[in-house]
PDB file of N, CA and C in Angstrom:
ATOM      1  N   UNK A   1     103.728  98.086 102.682  1.00  0.00           N
ATOM      2  CA  UNK A   1     102.799  99.152 102.979  1.00  0.00           C
ATOM      3  C   UNK A   1     102.907 100.288 101.963  1.00  0.00           C
ATOM      4  N   UNK A   2     104.137 100.591 101.519  1.00  0.00           N
ATOM      5  CA  UNK A   2     104.319 101.648 100.535  1.00  0.00           C
ATOM      6  C   UNK A   2     103.557 101.364  99.250  1.00  0.00           C
ATOM      7  N   UNK A   3     103.538 100.118  98.841  1.00  0.00           N
ATOM      8  CA  UNK A   3     102.845  99.750  97.605  1.00  0.00           C
ATOM      9  C   UNK A   3     101.349 100.000  97.708  1.00  0.00           C
ATOM     10  N   UNK A   4     100.810  99.880  98.889  1.00  0.00           N
ATOM     11  CA  UNK A   4      99.379 100.113  99.077  1.00  0.00           C
ATOM     12  C   UNK A   4      99.039 101.597  99.105  1.00  0.00           C
ATOM     13  N   UNK A   5      99.886 102.415  99.700  1.00  0.00           N
ATOM     14  CA  UNK A   5      99.563 103.832  99.844  1.00  0.00           C
ATOM     15  C   UNK A   5      99.907 104.657  98.614  1.00  0.00           C
ATOM     16  N   UNK A   6     100.887 104.240  97.844  1.00  0.00           N
ATOM     17  CA  UNK A   6     101.298 105.021  96.677  1.00  0.00           C
ATOM     18  C   UNK A   6     100.168 105.255  95.672  1.00  0.00           C
ATOM     19  N   UNK A   7      99.360 104.240  95.299  1.00  0.00           N
ATOM     20  CA  UNK A   7      98.259 104.498  94.372  1.00  0.00           C
ATOM     21  C   UNK A   7      97.189 105.412  94.963  1.00  0.00           C
ATOM     22  N   UNK A   8      97.091 105.456  96.279  1.00  0.00           N
ATOM     23  CA  UNK A   8      96.082 106.293  96.924  1.00  0.00           C
ATOM     24  C   UNK A   8      96.546 107.726  97.127  1.00  0.00           C
ATOM     25  N   UNK A   9      97.826 107.990  96.970  1.00  0.00           N
ATOM     26  CA  UNK A   9      98.375 109.307  97.237  1.00  0.00           C
ATOM     27  C   UNK A   9      97.683 110.430  96.473  1.00  0.00           C
ATOM     28  N   UNK A  10      97.411 110.311  95.163  1.00  0.00           N
ATOM     29  CA  UNK A  10      96.712 111.398  94.478  1.00  0.00           C
ATOM     30  C   UNK A  10      95.346 111.690  95.075  1.00  0.00           C
ATOM     31  N   UNK A  11      94.649 110.675  95.527  1.00  0.00           N
ATOM     32  CA  UNK A  11      93.347 110.900  96.149  1.00  0.00           C
ATOM     33  C   UNK A  11      93.494 111.608  97.487  1.00  0.00           C
ATOM     34  N   UNK A  12      94.503 111.225  98.252  1.00  0.00           N
ATOM     35  CA  UNK A  12      94.723 111.862  99.545  1.00  0.00           C
ATOM     36  C   UNK A  12      95.161 113.309  99.400  1.00  0.00           C
ATOM     37  N   UNK A  13      95.836 113.628  98.314  1.00  0.00           N
ATOM     38  CA  UNK A  13      96.325 114.985  98.096  1.00  0.00           C
ATOM     39  C   UNK A  13      95.327 115.860  97.353  1.00  0.00           C
ATOM     40  N   UNK A  14      94.148 115.351  97.093  1.00  0.00           N
ATOM     41  CA  UNK A  14      93.140 116.184  96.460  1.00  0.00           C
ATOM     42  C   UNK A  14      92.918 115.897  94.994  1.00  0.00           C
ATOM     43  N   UNK A  15      93.514 114.859  94.449  1.00  0.00           N
ATOM     44  CA  UNK A  15      93.351 114.548  93.044  1.00  0.00           C
ATOM     45  C   UNK A  15      91.909 114.274  92.646  1.00  0.00           C
ATOM     46  N   UNK A  16      91.086 113.879  93.606  1.00  0.00           N
ATOM     47  CA  UNK A  16      89.695 113.563  93.304  1.00  0.00           C
ATOM     48  C   UNK A  16      88.919 114.809  92.894  1.00  0.00           C
ATOM     49  N   UNK A  17      89.372 115.978  93.278  1.00  0.00           N
ATOM     50  CA  UNK A  17      88.684 117.216  92.950  1.00  0.00           C
ATOM     51  C   UNK A  17      89.250 117.890  91.710  1.00  0.00           C
ATOM     52  N   UNK A  18      90.171 117.272  91.011  1.00  0.00           N
ATOM     53  CA  UNK A  18      90.840 117.903  89.870  1.00  0.00           C
ATOM     54  C   UNK A  18      89.826 118.461  88.877  1.00  0.00           C
ATOM     55  N   UNK A  19      90.157 119.637  88.357  1.00  0.00           N
ATOM     56  CA  UNK A  19      89.273 120.314  87.410  1.00  0.00           C
ATOM     57  C   UNK A  19      90.093 120.837  86.240  1.00  0.00           C
ATOM     58  N   UNK A  20      89.523 120.814  85.028  1.00  0.00           N
ATOM     59  CA  UNK A  20      90.235 121.374  83.887  1.00  0.00           C
ATOM     60  C   UNK A  20      90.390 122.883  84.056  1.00  0.00           C
ATOM     61  N   UNK A  21      91.580 123.363  83.773  1.00  0.00           N
ATOM     62  CA  UNK A  21      91.883 124.790  83.931  1.00  0.00           C
ATOM     63  C   UNK A  21      92.900 125.191  82.866  1.00  0.00           C
ATOM     64  N   UNK A  22      93.314 126.442  82.898  1.00  0.00           N
ATOM     65  CA  UNK A  22      94.361 126.925  82.001  1.00  0.00           C
ATOM     66  C   UNK A  22      95.111 128.047  82.695  1.00  0.00           C
ATOM     67  N   UNK A  23      96.297 128.353  82.172  1.00  0.00           N
ATOM     68  CA  UNK A  23      97.049 129.490  82.694  1.00  0.00           C
ATOM     69  C   UNK A  23      96.714 130.686  81.825  1.00  0.00           C
ATOM     70  N   UNK A  24      96.485 131.823  82.454  1.00  0.00           N
ATOM     71  CA  UNK A  24      96.096 133.019  81.698  1.00  0.00           C
ATOM     72  C   UNK A  24      97.344 133.728  81.159  1.00  0.00           C
ATOM     73  N   UNK A  25      98.206 134.275  82.023  1.00  0.00           N
ATOM     74  CA  UNK A  25      99.480 134.750  81.485  1.00  0.00           C
ATOM     75  C   UNK A  25     100.460 133.578  81.461  1.00  0.00           C
ATOM     76  N   UNK A  26     101.508 133.696  80.689  1.00  0.00           N
ATOM     77  CA  UNK A  26     102.557 132.673  80.728  1.00  0.00           C
ATOM     78  C   UNK A  26     103.072 132.591  82.161  1.00  0.00           C
ATOM     79  N   UNK A  27     103.394 131.395  82.593  1.00  0.00           N
ATOM     80  CA  UNK A  27     103.840 131.213  83.971  1.00  0.00           C
ATOM     81  C   UNK A  27     104.837 130.068  84.042  1.00  0.00           C
ATOM     82  N   UNK A  28     105.397 129.861  85.194  1.00  0.00           N
ATOM     83  CA  UNK A  28     106.413 128.834  85.402  1.00  0.00           C
ATOM     84  C   UNK A  28     105.856 127.710  86.253  1.00  0.00           C
ATOM     85  N   UNK A  29     106.176 126.481  85.871  1.00  0.00           N
ATOM     86  CA  UNK A  29     105.800 125.294  86.633  1.00  0.00           C
ATOM     87  C   UNK A  29     106.991 124.917  87.513  1.00  0.00           C
ATOM     88  N   UNK A  30     106.723 124.766  88.815  1.00  0.00           N
ATOM     89  CA  UNK A  30     107.777 124.436  89.781  1.00  0.00           C
ATOM     90  C   UNK A  30     107.517 123.061  90.386  1.00  0.00           C
ATOM     91  N   UNK A  31     108.568 122.378  90.857  1.00  0.00           N
ATOM     92  CA  UNK A  31     108.378 121.066  91.480  1.00  0.00           C
ATOM     93  C   UNK A  31     107.802 121.156  92.895  1.00  0.00           C
ATOM     94  N   UNK A  32     108.035 122.283  93.549  1.00  0.00           N
ATOM     95  CA  UNK A  32     107.531 122.551  94.898  1.00  0.00           C
ATOM     96  C   UNK A  32     107.022 123.991  94.926  1.00  0.00           C
ATOM     97  N   UNK A  33     106.165 124.351  95.873  1.00  0.00           N
ATOM     98  CA  UNK A  33     105.643 125.717  95.916  1.00  0.00           C
ATOM     99  C   UNK A  33     106.659 126.716  96.481  1.00  0.00           C
ATOM    100  N   UNK A  34     107.691 126.982  95.679  1.00  0.00           N
ATOM    101  CA  UNK A  34     108.755 127.894  96.090  1.00  0.00           C
ATOM    102  C   UNK A  34     109.438 128.421  94.830  1.00  0.00           C
ATOM    103  N   UNK A  35     109.395 129.735  94.637  1.00  0.00           N
ATOM    104  CA  UNK A  35     110.006 130.319  93.436  1.00  0.00           C
ATOM    105  C   UNK A  35     111.514 130.209  93.416  1.00  0.00           C
ATOM    106  N   UNK A  36     112.124 129.879  94.538  1.00  0.00           N
ATOM    107  CA  UNK A  36     113.577 129.697  94.581  1.00  0.00           C
ATOM    108  C   UNK A  36     113.980 128.308  94.069  1.00  0.00           C
ATOM    109  N   UNK A  37     113.012 127.410  93.901  1.00  0.00           N
ATOM    110  CA  UNK A  37     113.336 126.072  93.392  1.00  0.00           C
ATOM    111  C   UNK A  37     113.592 126.140  91.883  1.00  0.00           C
ATOM    112  N   UNK A  38     114.283 125.149  91.364  1.00  0.00           N
ATOM    113  CA  UNK A  38     114.583 125.101  89.927  1.00  0.00           C
ATOM    114  C   UNK A  38     113.280 124.858  89.159  1.00  0.00           C
ATOM    115  N   UNK A  39     112.939 125.718  88.206  1.00  0.00           N
ATOM    116  CA  UNK A  39     111.698 125.532  87.451  1.00  0.00           C
ATOM    117  C   UNK A  39     111.719 124.251  86.633  1.00  0.00           C
ATOM    118  N   UNK A  40     110.540 123.627  86.507  1.00  0.00           N
ATOM    119  CA  UNK A  40     110.417 122.450  85.648  1.00  0.00           C
ATOM    120  C   UNK A  40     110.295 122.876  84.188  1.00  0.00           C
ATOM    121  N   UNK A  41     109.500 123.924  83.941  1.00  0.00           N
ATOM    122  CA  UNK A  41     109.306 124.432  82.582  1.00  0.00           C
ATOM    123  C   UNK A  41     108.471 125.704  82.622  1.00  0.00           C
ATOM    124  N   UNK A  42     108.466 126.416  81.502  1.00  0.00           N
ATOM    125  CA  UNK A  42     107.620 127.595  81.349  1.00  0.00           C
ATOM    126  C   UNK A  42     106.370 127.189  80.576  1.00  0.00           C
ATOM    127  N   UNK A  43     105.230 127.625  81.061  1.00  0.00           N
ATOM    128  CA  UNK A  43     103.962 127.310  80.406  1.00  0.00           C
ATOM    129  C   UNK A  43     103.478 128.546  79.662  1.00  0.00           C
ATOM    130  N   UNK A  44     103.283 128.456  78.350  1.00  0.00           N
ATOM    131  CA  UNK A  44     102.763 129.601  77.606  1.00  0.00           C
ATOM    132  C   UNK A  44     101.328 129.906  78.034  1.00  0.00           C
ATOM    133  N   UNK A  45     100.890 131.124  77.784  1.00  0.00           N
ATOM    134  CA  UNK A  45      99.512 131.507  78.080  1.00  0.00           C
ATOM    135  C   UNK A  45      98.553 130.545  77.395  1.00  0.00           C
ATOM    136  N   UNK A  46      97.453 130.272  78.058  1.00  0.00           N
ATOM    137  CA  UNK A  46      96.369 129.400  77.594  1.00  0.00           C
ATOM    138  C   UNK A  46      96.722 127.905  77.595  1.00  0.00           C
ATOM    139  N   UNK A  47      97.820 127.533  78.246  1.00  0.00           N
ATOM    140  CA  UNK A  47      98.158 126.119  78.392  1.00  0.00           C
ATOM    141  C   UNK A  47      97.092 125.448  79.253  1.00  0.00           C
ATOM    142  N   UNK A  48      96.547 124.356  78.764  1.00  0.00           N
ATOM    143  CA  UNK A  48      95.517 123.613  79.502  1.00  0.00           C
ATOM    144  C   UNK A  48      96.187 122.640  80.470  1.00  0.00           C
ATOM    145  N   UNK A  49      95.588 122.499  81.654  1.00  0.00           N
ATOM    146  CA  UNK A  49      96.107 121.613  82.678  1.00  0.00           C
ATOM    147  C   UNK A  49      94.974 121.199  83.602  1.00  0.00           C
ATOM    148  N   UNK A  50      95.267 120.312  84.518  1.00  0.00           N
ATOM    149  CA  UNK A  50      94.294 119.921  85.541  1.00  0.00           C
ATOM    150  C   UNK A  50      94.688 120.555  86.856  1.00  0.00           C
ATOM    151  N   UNK A  51      93.733 121.196  87.489  1.00  0.00           N
ATOM    152  CA  UNK A  51      93.950 121.843  88.774  1.00  0.00           C
ATOM    153  C   UNK A  51      93.541 120.875  89.873  1.00  0.00           C
ATOM    154  N   UNK A  52      94.484 120.531  90.747  1.00  0.00           N
ATOM    155  CA  UNK A  52      94.196 119.619  91.854  1.00  0.00           C
ATOM    156  C   UNK A  52      93.679 120.378  93.071  1.00  0.00           C
ATOM    157  N   UNK A  53      94.383 121.451  93.467  1.00  0.00           N
ATOM    158  CA  UNK A  53      94.016 122.204  94.666  1.00  0.00           C
ATOM    159  C   UNK A  53      94.823 123.482  94.703  1.00  0.00           C
ATOM    160  N   UNK A  54      94.205 124.548  95.187  1.00  0.00           N
ATOM    161  CA  UNK A  54      94.904 125.816  95.373  1.00  0.00           C
ATOM    162  C   UNK A  54      94.980 126.167  96.848  1.00  0.00           C
ATOM    163  N   UNK A  55      95.999 126.933  97.166  1.00  0.00           N
ATOM    164  CA  UNK A  55      96.221 127.429  98.521  1.00  0.00           C
ATOM    165  C   UNK A  55      96.386 128.939  98.416  1.00  0.00           C
ATOM    166  N   UNK A  56      96.842 129.598  99.457  1.00  0.00           N
ATOM    167  CA  UNK A  56      96.918 131.060  99.479  1.00  0.00           C
ATOM    168  C   UNK A  56      97.670 131.636  98.278  1.00  0.00           C
ATOM    169  N   UNK A  57      98.822 131.083  97.929  1.00  0.00           N
ATOM    170  CA  UNK A  57      99.641 131.625  96.840  1.00  0.00           C
ATOM    171  C   UNK A  57      99.885 130.647  95.695  1.00  0.00           C
ATOM    172  N   UNK A  58      99.695 129.371  95.928  1.00  0.00           N
ATOM    173  CA  UNK A  58     100.088 128.345  94.971  1.00  0.00           C
ATOM    174  C   UNK A  58      98.947 127.400  94.626  1.00  0.00           C
ATOM    175  N   UNK A  59      99.039 126.798  93.427  1.00  0.00           N
ATOM    176  CA  UNK A  59      98.100 125.762  93.005  1.00  0.00           C
ATOM    177  C   UNK A  59      98.878 124.525  92.591  1.00  0.00           C
ATOM    178  N   UNK A  60      98.407 123.387  93.050  1.00  0.00           N
ATOM    179  CA  UNK A  60      98.946 122.080  92.692  1.00  0.00           C
ATOM    180  C   UNK A  60      98.257 121.667  91.391  1.00  0.00           C
ATOM    181  N   UNK A  61      99.039 121.440  90.338  1.00  0.00           N
ATOM    182  CA  UNK A  61      98.471 121.150  89.017  1.00  0.00           C
ATOM    183  C   UNK A  61      99.104 119.909  88.397  1.00  0.00           C
ATOM    184  N   UNK A  62      98.425 119.386  87.401  1.00  0.00           N
ATOM    185  CA  UNK A  62      98.909 118.236  86.642  1.00  0.00           C
ATOM    186  C   UNK A  62      98.879 118.621  85.171  1.00  0.00           C
ATOM    187  N   UNK A  63      99.998 118.452  84.498  1.00  0.00           N
ATOM    188  CA  UNK A  63     100.101 118.734  83.069  1.00  0.00           C
ATOM    189  C   UNK A  63     100.575 117.449  82.398  1.00  0.00           C
ATOM    190  N   UNK A  64      99.628 116.690  81.849  1.00  0.00           N
ATOM    191  CA  UNK A  64      99.973 115.372  81.328  1.00  0.00           C
ATOM    192  C   UNK A  64     100.419 114.491  82.477  1.00  0.00           C
ATOM    193  N   UNK A  65     101.596 113.902  82.360  1.00  0.00           N
ATOM    194  CA  UNK A  65     102.129 113.052  83.434  1.00  0.00           C
ATOM    195  C   UNK A  65     102.922 113.856  84.456  1.00  0.00           C
ATOM    196  N   UNK A  66     103.128 115.141  84.202  1.00  0.00           N
ATOM    197  CA  UNK A  66     103.965 115.969  85.075  1.00  0.00           C
ATOM    198  C   UNK A  66     103.114 116.733  86.086  1.00  0.00           C
ATOM    199  N   UNK A  67     103.444 116.575  87.350  1.00  0.00           N
ATOM    200  CA  UNK A  67     102.760 117.285  88.417  1.00  0.00           C
ATOM    201  C   UNK A  67     103.672 118.367  88.932  1.00  0.00           C
ATOM    202  N   UNK A  68     103.087 119.527  89.284  1.00  0.00           N
ATOM    203  CA  UNK A  68     103.898 120.620  89.791  1.00  0.00           C
ATOM    204  C   UNK A  68     103.041 121.716  90.392  1.00  0.00           C
ATOM    205  N   UNK A  69     103.652 122.872  90.584  1.00  0.00           N
ATOM    206  CA  UNK A  69     103.018 124.008  91.253  1.00  0.00           C
ATOM    207  C   UNK A  69     103.147 125.263  90.400  1.00  0.00           C
ATOM    208  N   UNK A  70     102.072 126.043  90.332  1.00  0.00           N
ATOM    209  CA  UNK A  70     102.112 127.349  89.677  1.00  0.00           C
ATOM    210  C   UNK A  70     101.537 128.377  90.642  1.00  0.00           C
ATOM    211  N   UNK A  71     101.891 129.621  90.419  1.00  0.00           N
ATOM    212  CA  UNK A  71     101.340 130.682  91.252  1.00  0.00           C
ATOM    213  C   UNK A  71      99.829 130.773  91.025  1.00  0.00           C
ATOM    214  N   UNK A  72      99.090 130.936  92.092  1.00  0.00           N
ATOM    215  CA  UNK A  72      97.631 130.974  92.026  1.00  0.00           C
ATOM    216  C   UNK A  72      97.123 132.090  91.128  1.00  0.00           C
ATOM    217  N   UNK A  73      97.843 133.207  91.080  1.00  0.00           N
ATOM    218  CA  UNK A  73      97.391 134.351  90.280  1.00  0.00           C
ATOM    219  C   UNK A  73      97.337 134.051  88.785  1.00  0.00           C
ATOM    220  N   UNK A  74      97.991 132.963  88.333  1.00  0.00           N
ATOM    221  CA  UNK A  74      98.054 132.647  86.899  1.00  0.00           C
ATOM    222  C   UNK A  74      96.997 131.655  86.442  1.00  0.00           C
ATOM    223  N   UNK A  75      96.277 131.022  87.357  1.00  0.00           N
ATOM    224  CA  UNK A  75      95.341 129.967  86.971  1.00  0.00           C
ATOM    225  C   UNK A  75      93.936 130.526  86.751  1.00  0.00           C
ATOM    226  N   UNK A  76      93.244 129.949  85.776  1.00  0.00           N
ATOM    227  CA  UNK A  76      91.861 130.322  85.508  1.00  0.00           C
ATOM    228  C   UNK A  76      91.084 129.064  85.143  1.00  0.00           C
ATOM    229  N   UNK A  77      89.796 129.083  85.396  1.00  0.00           N
ATOM    230  CA  UNK A  77      88.936 127.970  85.040  1.00  0.00           C
ATOM    231  C   UNK A  77      87.496 128.437  84.992  1.00  0.00           C
ATOM    232  N   UNK A  78      86.662 127.692  84.275  1.00  0.00           N
ATOM    233  CA  UNK A  78      85.258 128.068  84.182  1.00  0.00           C
ATOM    234  C   UNK A  78      84.517 127.666  85.456  1.00  0.00           C
ATOM    235  N   UNK A  79      83.330 128.195  85.613  1.00  0.00           N
ATOM    236  CA  UNK A  79      82.486 127.767  86.720  1.00  0.00           C
ATOM    237  C   UNK A  79      82.121 128.898  87.654  1.00  0.00           C
ATOM    238  N   UNK A  80      81.269 128.549  88.568  1.00  0.00           N
ATOM    239  CA  UNK A  80      80.805 129.493  89.577  1.00  0.00           C
ATOM    240  C   UNK A  80      81.570 129.263  90.872  1.00  0.00           C
ATOM    241  N   UNK A  81      81.402 130.181  91.803  1.00  0.00           N
ATOM    242  CA  UNK A  81      82.115 130.088  93.077  1.00  0.00           C
ATOM    243  C   UNK A  81      81.861 128.772  93.792  1.00  0.00           C
ATOM    244  N   UNK A  82      80.654 128.241  93.701  1.00  0.00           N
ATOM    245  CA  UNK A  82      80.365 126.982  94.390  1.00  0.00           C
ATOM    246  C   UNK A  82      81.223 125.835  93.854  1.00  0.00           C
ATOM    247  N   UNK A  83      81.753 125.972  92.635  1.00  0.00           N
ATOM    248  CA  UNK A  83      82.656 124.959  92.083  1.00  0.00           C
ATOM    249  C   UNK A  83      84.120 125.296  92.368  1.00  0.00           C
ATOM    250  N   UNK A  84      84.440 126.590  92.484  1.00  0.00           N
ATOM    251  CA  UNK A  84      85.817 127.009  92.696  1.00  0.00           C
ATOM    252  C   UNK A  84      86.269 126.897  94.149  1.00  0.00           C
ATOM    253  N   UNK A  85      85.397 127.233  95.076  1.00  0.00           N
ATOM    254  CA  UNK A  85      85.777 127.249  96.494  1.00  0.00           C
ATOM    255  C   UNK A  85      86.270 125.891  96.987  1.00  0.00           C
ATOM    256  N   UNK A  86      85.631 124.760  96.654  1.00  0.00           N
ATOM    257  CA  UNK A  86      86.175 123.471  97.112  1.00  0.00           C
ATOM    258  C   UNK A  86      87.574 123.171  96.584  1.00  0.00           C
ATOM    259  N   UNK A  87      87.965 123.835  95.499  1.00  0.00           N
ATOM    260  CA  UNK A  87      89.311 123.665  94.943  1.00  0.00           C
ATOM    261  C   UNK A  87      90.320 124.609  95.596  1.00  0.00           C
ATOM    262  N   UNK A  88      89.849 125.430  96.529  1.00  0.00           N
ATOM    263  CA  UNK A  88      90.732 126.371  97.216  1.00  0.00           C
ATOM    264  C   UNK A  88      90.744 127.754  96.600  1.00  0.00           C
ATOM    265  N   UNK A  89      89.936 127.991  95.584  1.00  0.00           N
ATOM    266  CA  UNK A  89      89.902 129.305  94.939  1.00  0.00           C
ATOM    267  C   UNK A  89      88.799 130.157  95.561  1.00  0.00           C
ATOM    268  N   UNK A  90      89.148 130.825  96.647  1.00  0.00           N
ATOM    269  CA  UNK A  90      88.230 131.746  97.301  1.00  0.00           C
ATOM    270  C   UNK A  90      88.985 133.029  97.604  1.00  0.00           C
ATOM    271  N   UNK A  91      88.249 134.091  97.862  1.00  0.00           N
ATOM    272  CA  UNK A  91      88.846 135.405  98.102  1.00  0.00           C
ATOM    273  C   UNK A  91      89.797 135.796  96.967  1.00  0.00           C
ATOM    274  N   UNK A  92      89.314 135.643  95.739  1.00  0.00           N
ATOM    275  CA  UNK A  92      90.114 135.963  94.558  1.00  0.00           C
ATOM    276  C   UNK A  92      90.227 137.476  94.399  1.00  0.00           C
ATOM    277  N   UNK A  93      91.440 137.968  94.258  1.00  0.00           N
ATOM    278  CA  UNK A  93      91.676 139.401  94.068  1.00  0.00           C
ATOM    279  C   UNK A  93      91.583 139.761  92.587  1.00  0.00           C
ATOM    280  N   UNK A  94      91.374 141.030  92.324  1.00  0.00           N
ATOM    281  CA  UNK A  94      91.271 141.483  90.931  1.00  0.00           C
ATOM    282  C   UNK A  94      92.524 141.179  90.126  1.00  0.00           C
ATOM    283  N   UNK A  95      93.656 141.057  90.769  1.00  0.00           N
ATOM    284  CA  UNK A  95      94.910 140.777  90.074  1.00  0.00           C
ATOM    285  C   UNK A  95      95.056 139.308  89.674  1.00  0.00           C
ATOM    286  N   UNK A  96      94.153 138.444  90.124  1.00  0.00           N
ATOM    287  CA  UNK A  96      94.235 137.018  89.816  1.00  0.00           C
ATOM    288  C   UNK A  96      93.431 136.704  88.560  1.00  0.00           C
ATOM    289  N   UNK A  97      93.945 135.787  87.752  1.00  0.00           N
ATOM    290  CA  UNK A  97      93.304 135.439  86.481  1.00  0.00           C
ATOM    291  C   UNK A  97      91.889 134.893  86.670  1.00  0.00           C
ATOM    292  N   UNK A  98      91.620 134.213  87.780  1.00  0.00           N
ATOM    293  CA  UNK A  98      90.299 133.619  88.008  1.00  0.00           C
ATOM    294  C   UNK A  98      89.267 134.634  88.503  1.00  0.00           C
ATOM    295  N   UNK A  99      89.700 135.856  88.799  1.00  0.00           N
ATOM    296  CA  UNK A  99      88.743 136.879  89.240  1.00  0.00           C
ATOM    297  C   UNK A  99      87.876 137.299  88.062  1.00  0.00           C
ATOM    298  N   UNK A 100      86.582 137.286  88.269  1.00  0.00           N
ATOM    299  CA  UNK A 100      85.623 137.815  87.305  1.00  0.00           C
ATOM    300  C   UNK A 100      84.625 138.665  88.067  1.00  0.00           C
ATOM    301  N   UNK A 101      84.178 139.749  87.467  1.00  0.00           N
ATOM    302  CA  UNK A 101      83.181 140.596  88.125  1.00  0.00           C
ATOM    303  C   UNK A 101      81.926 139.801  88.447  1.00  0.00           C
ATOM    304  N   UNK A 102      81.577 138.832  87.609  1.00  0.00           N
ATOM    305  CA  UNK A 102      80.385 138.023  87.875  1.00  0.00           C
ATOM    306  C   UNK A 102      80.551 137.138  89.111  1.00  0.00           C
ATOM    307  N   UNK A 103      81.788 136.907  89.539  1.00  0.00           N
ATOM    308  CA  UNK A 103      82.053 136.139  90.760  1.00  0.00           C
ATOM    309  C   UNK A 103      82.172 137.051  91.977  1.00  0.00           C
ATOM    310  N   UNK A 104      81.980 138.339  91.779  1.00  0.00           N
ATOM    311  CA  UNK A 104      82.090 139.331  92.848  1.00  0.00           C
ATOM    312  C   UNK A 104      80.838 140.211  92.874  1.00  0.00           C
ATOM    313  N   UNK A 105      79.674 139.614  93.173  1.00  0.00           N
ATOM    314  CA  UNK A 105      78.433 140.385  93.100  1.00  0.00           C
ATOM    315  C   UNK A 105      78.347 141.542  94.091  1.00  0.00           C
ATOM    316  N   UNK A 106      79.065 141.474  95.194  1.00  0.00           N
ATOM    317  CA  UNK A 106      79.018 142.588  96.146  1.00  0.00           C
ATOM    318  C   UNK A 106      80.053 143.673  95.830  1.00  0.00           C
ATOM    319  N   UNK A 107      80.811 143.485  94.755  1.00  0.00           N
ATOM    320  CA  UNK A 107      81.773 144.475  94.235  1.00  0.00           C
ATOM    321  C   UNK A 107      82.767 144.986  95.293  1.00  0.00           C
ATOM    322  N   UNK A 108      83.246 144.065  96.133  1.00  0.00           N
ATOM    323  CA  UNK A 108      84.228 144.464  97.145  1.00  0.00           C
ATOM    324  C   UNK A 108      85.661 144.170  96.721  1.00  0.00           C
ATOM    325  N   UNK A 109      85.844 143.702  95.486  1.00  0.00           N
ATOM    326  CA  UNK A 109      87.187 143.419  94.988  1.00  0.00           C
ATOM    327  C   UNK A 109      87.676 142.017  95.289  1.00  0.00           C
ATOM    328  N   UNK A 110      86.850 141.218  95.962  1.00  0.00           N
ATOM    329  CA  UNK A 110      87.186 139.820  96.250  1.00  0.00           C
ATOM    330  C   UNK A 110      86.078 138.937  95.698  1.00  0.00           C
ATOM    331  N   UNK A 111      86.427 138.086  94.772  1.00  0.00           N
ATOM    332  CA  UNK A 111      85.440 137.156  94.221  1.00  0.00           C
ATOM    333  C   UNK A 111      85.426 135.880  95.054  1.00  0.00           C
ATOM    334  N   UNK A 112      84.295 135.241  95.114  1.00  0.00           N
ATOM    335  CA  UNK A 112      84.121 133.994  95.868  1.00  0.00           C
ATOM    336  C   UNK A 112      84.542 134.166  97.328  1.00  0.00           C
ATOM    337  N   UNK A 113      84.124 135.263  97.906  1.00  0.00           N
ATOM    338  CA  UNK A 113      84.470 135.528  99.305  1.00  0.00           C
ATOM    339  C   UNK A 113      83.301 135.213 100.228  1.00  0.00           C
ATOM    340  N   UNK A 114      83.565 135.236 101.513  1.00  0.00           N
ATOM    341  CA  UNK A 114      82.557 134.905 102.518  1.00  0.00           C
ATOM    342  C   UNK A 114      81.428 135.922 102.577  1.00  0.00           C
ATOM    343  N   UNK A 115      81.662 137.122 102.105  1.00  0.00           N
ATOM    344  CA  UNK A 115      80.647 138.162 102.191  1.00  0.00           C
ATOM    345  C   UNK A 115      79.509 137.959 101.202  1.00  0.00           C
ATOM    346  N   UNK A 116      79.625 136.970 100.337  1.00  0.00           N
ATOM    347  CA  UNK A 116      78.568 136.731  99.359  1.00  0.00           C
ATOM    348  C   UNK A 116      77.400 135.959  99.956  1.00  0.00           C
ATOM    349  N   UNK A 117      77.549 135.494 101.182  1.00  0.00           N
ATOM    350  CA  UNK A 117      76.436 134.832 101.853  1.00  0.00           C
ATOM    351  C   UNK A 117      75.421 135.888 102.266  1.00  0.00           C
ATOM    352  N   UNK A 118      74.136 135.586 102.187  1.00  0.00           N
ATOM    353  CA  UNK A 118      73.145 136.554 102.630  1.00  0.00           C
ATOM    354  C   UNK A 118      73.302 136.842 104.124  1.00  0.00           C
ATOM    355  N   UNK A 119      73.115 138.097 104.482  1.00  0.00           N
ATOM    356  CA  UNK A 119      73.211 138.464 105.888  1.00  0.00           C
ATOM    357  C   UNK A 119      71.963 137.992 106.631  1.00  0.00           C
ATOM    358  N   UNK A 120      72.157 137.541 107.814  1.00  0.00           N
ATOM    359  CA  UNK A 120      71.030 137.113 108.637  1.00  0.00           C
ATOM    360  C   UNK A 120      70.276 138.332 109.144  1.00  0.00           C
ATOM    361  N   UNK A 121      69.000 138.208 109.284  1.00  0.00           N
ATOM    362  CA  UNK A 121      68.187 139.321 109.821  1.00  0.00           C
ATOM    363  C   UNK A 121      68.642 139.601 111.250  1.00  0.00           C
ATOM    364  N   UNK A 122      68.737 140.876 111.571  1.00  0.00           N
ATOM    365  CA  UNK A 122      69.195 141.242 112.921  1.00  0.00           C
ATOM    366  C   UNK A 122      68.045 141.444 113.855  1.00  0.00           C
TER     367      UNK A 122
END
């Protein structure tokens, strides 16, 4: 059974949504989403990688054959909110590399947030 599920694991973990991205400031790649874990390596600014999925603080990334985790605030990628939100990049703060004013049309300091939906007539 293990042999059957192992090839499917990247798809189950979100690998199907992987998108090309880069790190904006230099950052550290970790084996698990925990800064107390031993770092795998330091990634210089503008290092290209594949983004699998982001969560509140961390992003699951692939760099060549090496998979790991980086802090969400360090990742950036092209595209509009409709492409970023399925990857977990929503409610981006100004301190995050993926925040762009063009992704924050309501100027509330959060890009790709829920408030960008048109309000229903009352």
